[in-house]
Protein backbone atom coordinates (compact mmCIF):
# COMPACT_ATOMS: atom_id res chain seq x y z
CA MET A 1 0.00 0.00 0.00
CA MET A 2 1.43 3.37 -1.00
CA PHE A 3 1.65 6.38 1.28
CA VAL A 4 -1.52 8.46 1.19
CA GLU A 5 -1.58 11.91 2.72
CA PRO A 6 -4.16 12.33 5.49
CA GLU A 7 -7.01 14.61 4.42
CA SER A 8 -6.09 17.15 7.10
CA MET A 9 -2.60 17.33 5.66
CA THR A 10 -3.49 17.94 2.03
CA ALA A 11 -5.66 20.89 2.90
CA SER A 12 -2.82 22.67 4.67
CA THR A 13 0.11 21.97 2.37
CA ARG A 14 -0.92 23.19 -1.06
CA GLY A 15 0.85 26.52 -0.83
CA GLY A 16 4.23 25.83 -2.39
CA LYS A 17 6.02 24.87 0.82
CA PRO A 18 9.79 24.46 0.35
CA TRP A 19 9.63 20.80 1.31
CA GLN A 20 6.82 19.67 -1.01
CA ALA A 21 9.08 18.83 -3.95
CA HIS A 22 10.88 16.24 -1.80
CA LEU A 23 7.82 14.15 -0.91
CA ILE A 24 7.42 10.73 -2.50
CA ASP A 25 5.31 7.65 -1.90
CA GLN A 26 6.68 5.40 0.79
CA GLY A 27 6.24 2.47 -1.56
CA TRP A 28 5.71 0.16 1.40
CA CYS A 29 4.64 -2.68 -0.89
CA ASN A 30 8.10 -2.52 -2.49
CA PHE A 31 9.89 -3.51 0.71
CA THR A 32 10.96 -7.12 0.28
CA PRO A 33 10.81 -9.94 2.84
CA GLU A 34 14.54 -9.40 3.28
CA ASP A 35 13.98 -5.71 4.01
CA HIS A 36 11.43 -6.57 6.69
CA ALA A 37 13.78 -9.20 8.14
CA VAL A 38 16.56 -6.62 8.37
CA TRP A 39 14.21 -4.26 10.22
CA ASP A 40 13.33 -7.02 12.70
CA ILE A 41 16.99 -7.85 13.32
CA LEU A 42 17.86 -4.20 13.89
CA PHE A 43 14.83 -3.57 16.09
CA LYS A 44 15.34 -6.60 18.34
CA ARG A 45 19.01 -6.05 19.02
CA GLN A 46 18.65 -2.30 19.50
CA VAL A 47 15.81 -2.60 22.02
CA GLN A 48 17.81 -5.17 23.98
CA LEU A 49 20.82 -2.85 24.00
CA LEU A 50 18.92 0.31 24.93
CA ARG A 51 17.10 -0.96 28.01
CA GLY A 52 18.80 0.82 30.88
CA ARG A 53 20.68 3.08 28.48
CA VAL A 54 18.01 5.27 26.85
CA VAL A 55 15.59 7.78 28.36
CA SER A 56 12.39 6.11 29.50
CA SER A 57 10.26 8.30 27.22
CA PHE A 58 11.91 6.65 24.21
CA LEU A 59 10.79 3.19 25.29
CA ASP A 60 7.35 4.61 26.12
CA GLY A 61 7.17 5.94 22.57
CA LEU A 62 7.95 2.55 21.07
CA ASP A 63 4.98 1.10 22.94
CA LEU A 64 2.59 4.00 22.39
CA LEU A 65 3.20 3.96 18.64
CA GLU A 66 3.18 0.16 18.44
CA LEU A 67 6.55 0.11 16.75
CA ASN A 68 7.23 -3.38 18.07
CA ALA A 69 5.10 -4.89 15.29
CA PRO A 70 7.16 -6.99 12.82
CA GLY A 71 8.52 -5.43 9.65
CA VAL A 72 9.10 -1.93 8.32
CA PRO A 73 6.29 0.30 9.65
CA GLU A 74 3.72 1.54 7.18
CA LEU A 75 3.59 5.32 7.50
CA THR A 76 -0.18 5.64 7.06
CA ARG A 77 -0.78 3.46 10.09
CA LEU A 78 2.04 4.99 12.10
CA ASN A 79 0.70 8.48 11.36
CA GLN A 80 -2.72 7.61 12.74
CA ARG A 81 -1.20 6.94 16.14
CA LEU A 82 1.38 9.74 16.07
CA LEU A 83 -1.02 12.42 14.86
CA ALA A 84 -3.48 11.56 17.62
CA ARG A 85 -0.80 11.98 20.27
CA THR A 86 1.16 15.08 19.28
CA GLY A 87 -0.02 16.30 15.89
CA TRP A 88 3.10 15.09 14.07
CA ARG A 89 3.20 13.13 10.82
CA CYS A 90 5.89 11.18 9.02
CA VAL A 91 6.40 11.81 5.30
CA SER A 92 8.44 9.77 2.88
CA VAL A 93 11.51 11.14 1.08
CA ALA A 94 14.18 9.57 -1.12
CA GLY A 95 17.05 10.54 1.18
CA LEU A 96 18.59 13.60 2.75
CA VAL A 97 16.76 16.84 2.01
CA PRO A 98 18.29 20.36 1.97
CA ASP A 99 18.45 22.14 5.30
CA GLU A 100 15.80 24.72 4.46
CA ALA A 101 13.31 22.05 3.43
CA PHE A 102 14.19 19.95 6.46
CA PHE A 103 13.66 22.72 8.99
CA ALA A 104 10.47 23.77 7.18
CA MET A 105 9.18 20.23 7.63
CA LEU A 106 9.91 20.33 11.35
CA ALA A 107 8.20 23.71 11.65
CA ASP A 108 5.09 22.13 10.10
CA ARG A 109 5.32 19.11 12.45
CA LEU A 110 6.41 16.77 9.67
CA PHE A 111 9.33 14.37 9.95
CA PRO A 112 11.03 13.05 6.78
CA ILE A 113 11.54 9.29 6.53
CA GLY A 114 13.88 7.73 3.98
CA ASN A 115 12.04 5.18 1.86
CA PHE A 116 14.84 2.60 1.97
CA ILE A 117 16.55 0.38 4.53
CA ARG A 118 20.14 -0.79 4.85
CA THR A 119 21.24 -4.32 3.95
CA ARG A 120 22.59 -7.02 6.25
CA VAL A 121 26.08 -6.09 5.11
CA HIS A 122 25.64 -2.64 6.64
CA LEU A 123 23.72 -3.50 9.81
CA ASP A 124 26.15 -1.60 12.04
CA TYR A 125 26.65 1.59 10.05
CA LEU A 126 25.19 3.50 7.14
CA GLU A 127 26.29 7.11 6.63
CA GLU A 128 23.06 8.22 4.96
CA PRO A 129 20.06 7.86 7.29
CA ASP A 130 17.65 5.10 6.29
CA CYS A 131 14.14 4.37 7.52
CA PHE A 132 15.46 2.48 10.55
CA HIS A 133 17.39 5.52 11.76
CA ASP A 134 14.53 7.86 10.91
CA ILE A 135 11.68 5.84 12.41
CA PHE A 136 13.30 3.90 15.24
CA GLY A 137 15.70 6.68 16.20
CA HIS A 138 13.47 9.76 15.93
CA VAL A 139 9.79 8.91 15.97
CA PRO A 140 9.43 7.47 19.52
CA MET A 141 10.41 10.84 21.01
CA LEU A 142 7.87 12.59 18.78
CA ALA A 143 5.23 10.87 20.92
CA HIS A 144 6.54 12.88 23.89
CA THR A 145 4.65 16.17 24.06
CA GLY A 146 7.60 18.25 25.23
CA MET A 147 10.03 16.92 22.65
CA ALA A 148 7.41 17.18 19.91
CA ASN A 149 7.04 20.87 20.71
CA ALA A 150 10.80 21.36 20.94
CA MET A 151 11.29 19.79 17.51
CA GLN A 152 8.82 22.22 16.01
CA SER A 153 10.62 25.08 17.77
CA ILE A 154 13.98 24.09 16.33
CA GLY A 155 12.35 23.91 12.91
CA ASP A 156 11.10 27.48 13.28
CA LEU A 157 14.51 28.59 14.56
CA GLY A 158 16.25 26.79 11.70
CA LEU A 159 14.28 28.72 9.10
CA ARG A 160 15.05 32.05 10.76
CA ALA A 161 18.70 31.06 11.14
CA ILE A 162 19.08 30.16 7.47
CA ALA A 163 17.52 33.48 6.46
CA ALA A 164 20.05 35.22 8.71
CA GLY A 165 23.01 33.25 7.35
CA LEU A 166 23.30 31.20 10.56
CA GLY A 167 22.01 27.87 9.34
CA HIS A 168 25.23 26.05 10.23
CA HIS A 169 24.89 27.27 13.81
CA VAL A 170 21.43 25.82 14.33
CA ALA A 171 22.61 22.61 12.64
CA ARG A 172 25.14 22.19 15.46
CA LEU A 173 22.44 22.68 18.07
CA TYR A 174 20.29 20.03 16.38
CA TRP A 175 23.22 17.65 16.06
CA HIS A 176 24.33 17.89 19.69
CA THR A 177 20.82 17.38 21.07
CA ILE A 178 18.32 15.72 18.75
CA GLU A 179 20.87 13.49 17.02
CA PHE A 180 23.66 12.84 19.54
CA GLY A 181 22.54 14.28 22.85
CA LEU A 182 22.69 12.60 26.24
CA CYS A 183 20.69 13.58 29.31
CA ARG A 184 20.39 12.74 32.98
CA GLU A 185 17.50 10.70 34.26
CA ALA A 186 17.18 9.28 37.78
CA ASP A 187 20.83 10.03 38.58
CA HIS A 188 22.08 8.23 35.45
CA VAL A 189 23.25 9.50 32.07
CA ARG A 190 20.94 8.20 29.36
CA ILE A 191 20.82 8.32 25.57
CA LEU A 192 18.51 10.94 24.06
CA GLY A 193 19.64 11.51 20.47
CA ALA A 194 18.34 9.49 17.53
CA GLY A 195 21.80 8.94 16.07
CA LEU A 196 22.77 7.17 19.27
CA ALA A 197 19.48 5.36 19.82
CA SER A 198 19.68 3.80 16.35
CA SER A 199 23.41 2.93 16.42
CA PHE A 200 24.48 -0.41 17.87
CA GLY A 201 28.12 0.58 18.35
CA GLU A 202 27.86 4.24 19.27
CA ALA A 203 24.99 3.78 21.74
CA ARG A 204 27.28 1.79 23.99
CA ALA A 205 30.37 3.93 23.38
CA SER A 206 28.56 7.18 24.15
CA LEU A 207 27.97 6.02 27.71
CA GLU A 208 30.89 3.70 28.41
CA ASP A 209 33.97 4.86 26.48
CA GLU A 210 36.03 6.79 29.03
CA SER A 211 38.18 8.39 26.32
CA ILE A 212 35.21 10.39 24.96
CA GLU A 213 34.59 13.86 26.37
CA ARG A 214 31.17 14.62 27.85
CA ARG A 215 30.22 18.21 28.66
CA ARG A 216 27.21 19.67 30.42
CA PHE A 217 24.83 20.95 27.76
CA THR A 218 24.12 24.60 27.19
CA VAL A 219 22.82 26.10 23.97
CA GLU A 220 25.87 28.35 23.68
CA GLU A 221 28.35 25.49 24.20
CA ALA A 222 26.60 23.24 21.71
CA ILE A 223 26.47 25.91 19.02
CA ALA A 224 30.17 26.61 19.47
CA ALA A 225 31.24 22.96 19.05
CA SER A 226 31.89 21.28 15.72
CA TYR A 227 30.88 17.68 15.04
CA ARG A 228 31.66 14.65 12.88
CA HIS A 229 29.12 13.26 10.44
CA ASP A 230 31.35 10.46 9.16
CA ALA A 231 32.61 8.87 12.39
CA MET A 232 31.73 8.35 16.02
CA GLN A 233 31.52 11.61 17.92
CA PRO A 234 34.53 12.69 20.02
CA LEU A 235 32.25 14.84 22.21
CA TYR A 236 28.77 14.49 23.68
CA PHE A 237 26.68 17.06 25.52
CA VAL A 238 24.76 15.93 28.61
CA SER A 239 21.57 17.80 29.51
CA ASP A 240 20.49 18.05 33.14
CA SER A 241 17.19 16.35 32.29
CA LEU A 242 14.80 15.76 29.42
CA GLU A 243 12.73 18.67 30.63
CA ALA A 244 15.82 20.89 30.65
CA VAL A 245 16.78 20.19 27.06
CA VAL A 246 13.17 20.64 25.92
CA SER A 247 13.07 24.01 27.66
CA ALA A 248 16.42 25.04 26.16
CA LEU A 249 15.38 24.15 22.62
CA GLU A 250 12.02 25.87 22.94
CA GLY A 251 13.70 28.97 24.33
CA ALA A 252 16.57 29.19 21.83
CA THR A 253 16.60 32.37 19.71
CA LEU A 254 18.70 33.90 16.96
CA SER A 255 20.66 35.78 19.60
CA HIS A 256 21.94 32.44 20.92
CA LEU A 257 23.32 31.62 17.47
CA THR A 258 25.63 34.62 17.16
CA VAL A 259 28.67 32.95 18.69
CA PRO A 260 32.30 32.55 17.52
CA GLU A 261 33.18 29.83 15.04
CA PRO A 262 33.20 26.35 16.60
CA THR A 263 35.88 24.84 18.75
CA SER A 264 37.26 21.54 17.56
CA ALA A 265 35.38 18.58 19.00
C-alpha cells in the first residue's frame, strides 16, 4: 500500500512549501521480505541494547506507537497513532533533504523518513540515514509532548537562522541534542539523540567509552562545538534532564546563534 496523505494534511500543504518537492510515496509494498527481516533484526538487538541506556520516554514511545510490530512500519498506520498523540506526521523522502526544506518540515510538524533500509552487510553503520534511523531513532520521542514541541521550535529557529546566514549554527544545536545528545534521568546519564538510539556501536560507546569527552549541555556550548558526520563523535553534551533540554530548545533564539566559530570537537 502506497503512502496516502491524510485529508487534514493535504488541505494545509498546497501553498508551495519548500519541502513539497521532496515528498514521495513510501512504496511500502516494495519492501521485500529481506527488508522486513533486516528491520526485525535491527529492532530486536537495539531494544535489547537500549534498556537501561536510553531515556524512559523513548521506550514509552515505542509502545505508544506500536513500533514493536514486525517489519518496516507503514507510515499511514504509524501516522494515525502519532497524529493523535502530538499532531506530528511522518512523510516519505528519497534521502537527505536540503536544510531549508528539512527545517520547514519540522516547523510544520512533519518528519522526513527515507524510503529505503540498509542491507545485512551494513547493519552496524550507514552514513546516509535510512528508515530504521529515521523511524526507530526519531519517531518514539515525537510521541513525547515536550520533545514534539521542541522539535517544532527548532524547525522554526532553523528557518530564521538560514535566512540570517546562521544555518550552520542551528545545525550544530540540532546535532548535539536531537541526534547525539545525552541527558540525565534518575541520577544516570541516558541516551537521548536518535543517532545514538539507532546505532548499535555508538549507543554503547557514548555512555561507556572513558576516552570520549562529555560536557554539560548549554545552547551556547553546543552551538560553538563542531561535530563529525562520518565517524563516532569525540564529544557528547549531557543535559540536566529531558525537561531541561526541551526548555532550552524551545527557548533558543537567533541571539543564541551569534557565537564565535566552533571549537574543535
